[in-house]
């Protein structure tokens, strides 16, 4: 398990209803905790279960209007820890991709 914390910038002041939606986020598998400091929402999550973009999608899906401090690139982490955009292989690795 790898625990990380990401920050989301809240676009508006939270209402009592928003706090109920945030409470529901804590029941999502992989999200460990939430913390609010001013206009920042910090989400602690298990990186072996969720990607940072998925965490942001869950926050937005709960009805919380938030943005990351910087854009999150598409893709996944490779074995070196670098973020790469992986495409489905179109050659090799599978007999389906082999030309006759």
Protein backbone atom coordinates (compact mmCIF):
# COMPACT_ATOMS: atom_id res chain seq x y z
CA UNK A 1 0.00 0.00 0.00
CA UNK A 2 1.20 3.47 -0.89
CA UNK A 3 -0.57 6.32 0.84
CA UNK A 4 -0.55 9.71 -0.87
CA UNK A 5 -2.25 13.00 -0.23
CA UNK A 6 -3.57 15.19 -3.02
CA UNK A 7 -4.87 18.74 -2.86
CA UNK A 8 -7.95 20.06 -4.63
CA UNK A 9 -8.84 23.75 -4.78
CA UNK A 10 -12.49 24.32 -3.85
CA UNK A 11 -14.24 26.70 -6.24
CA UNK A 12 -16.91 27.80 -3.75
CA UNK A 13 -17.69 27.78 -0.06
CA UNK A 14 -18.98 24.41 1.15
CA UNK A 15 -22.59 24.13 2.27
CA UNK A 16 -23.92 21.72 4.92
CA UNK A 17 -25.11 19.47 2.06
CA UNK A 18 -21.60 19.42 0.62
CA UNK A 19 -20.26 18.13 3.93
CA UNK A 20 -22.71 15.22 3.72
CA UNK A 21 -21.40 14.43 0.22
CA UNK A 22 -17.82 14.57 1.54
CA UNK A 23 -18.74 12.13 4.30
CA UNK A 24 -19.87 9.68 1.60
CA UNK A 25 -16.44 9.97 -0.05
CA UNK A 26 -14.80 8.44 2.99
CA UNK A 27 -16.65 5.17 2.29
CA UNK A 28 -15.01 4.75 -1.14
CA UNK A 29 -12.48 1.93 -1.25
CA UNK A 30 -9.01 3.48 -1.36
CA UNK A 31 -9.85 6.87 0.16
CA UNK A 32 -8.43 7.04 3.67
CA UNK A 33 -9.22 10.52 4.86
CA UNK A 34 -10.30 14.07 4.09
CA UNK A 35 -9.10 17.40 5.47
CA UNK A 36 -10.23 20.94 4.68
CA UNK A 37 -7.95 23.92 5.16
CA UNK A 38 -9.42 27.17 3.89
CA UNK A 39 -10.26 26.67 0.21
CA UNK A 40 -8.14 23.50 -0.07
CA UNK A 41 -9.47 19.96 0.20
CA UNK A 42 -6.81 17.36 0.99
CA UNK A 43 -7.64 13.75 0.20
CA UNK A 44 -5.46 10.94 1.53
CA UNK A 45 -5.74 7.86 -0.66
CA UNK A 46 -4.13 4.51 -1.37
CA UNK A 47 -2.22 4.92 -4.65
CA UNK A 48 -2.20 1.16 -5.18
CA UNK A 49 -6.01 1.32 -5.44
CA UNK A 50 -6.72 4.73 -6.99
CA UNK A 51 -5.01 7.18 -9.32
CA UNK A 52 -4.99 10.90 -8.53
CA UNK A 53 -7.33 11.55 -11.48
CA UNK A 54 -9.79 8.98 -10.09
CA UNK A 55 -9.74 10.72 -6.71
CA UNK A 56 -10.58 14.03 -8.38
CA UNK A 57 -13.36 12.33 -10.36
CA UNK A 58 -14.82 10.90 -7.13
CA UNK A 59 -14.72 14.35 -5.50
CA UNK A 60 -16.46 15.92 -8.50
CA UNK A 61 -18.88 12.99 -8.68
CA UNK A 62 -19.90 13.73 -5.10
CA UNK A 63 -21.01 17.18 -6.22
CA UNK A 64 -17.99 19.09 -4.90
CA UNK A 65 -16.79 21.72 -7.38
CA UNK A 66 -13.00 21.39 -7.18
CA UNK A 67 -9.95 21.61 -9.41
CA UNK A 68 -6.43 20.24 -9.03
CA UNK A 69 -3.67 22.85 -8.49
CA UNK A 70 -2.11 21.71 -11.79
CA UNK A 71 -3.51 19.54 -14.62
CA UNK A 72 -3.33 15.78 -14.09
CA UNK A 73 -1.87 14.03 -17.15
CA UNK A 74 -3.59 10.97 -18.58
CA UNK A 75 -1.90 7.59 -18.33
CA UNK A 76 -0.27 5.62 -15.55
CA UNK A 77 3.00 5.25 -13.69
CA UNK A 78 5.59 2.96 -15.27
CA UNK A 79 8.07 0.74 -13.43
CA UNK A 80 10.52 3.66 -12.96
CA UNK A 81 7.91 5.81 -11.22
CA UNK A 82 7.58 8.14 -14.21
CA UNK A 83 4.13 9.07 -15.47
CA UNK A 84 3.55 7.74 -18.99
CA UNK A 85 0.56 7.77 -21.33
CA UNK A 86 0.15 4.13 -22.30
CA UNK A 87 -1.80 3.14 -25.40
CA UNK A 88 -3.17 -0.31 -26.09
CA UNK A 89 -0.51 -2.24 -28.03
CA UNK A 90 -1.18 -2.47 -31.75
CA UNK A 91 1.67 -4.84 -32.55
CA UNK A 92 3.36 -7.74 -30.80
CA UNK A 93 2.39 -9.20 -27.42
CA UNK A 94 -0.72 -10.92 -28.74
CA UNK A 95 -1.50 -13.27 -31.65
CA UNK A 96 -4.45 -11.00 -32.47
CA UNK A 97 -2.02 -8.20 -33.34
CA UNK A 98 0.16 -10.37 -35.61
CA UNK A 99 -0.14 -9.85 -39.34
CA UNK A 100 -0.70 -12.98 -41.44
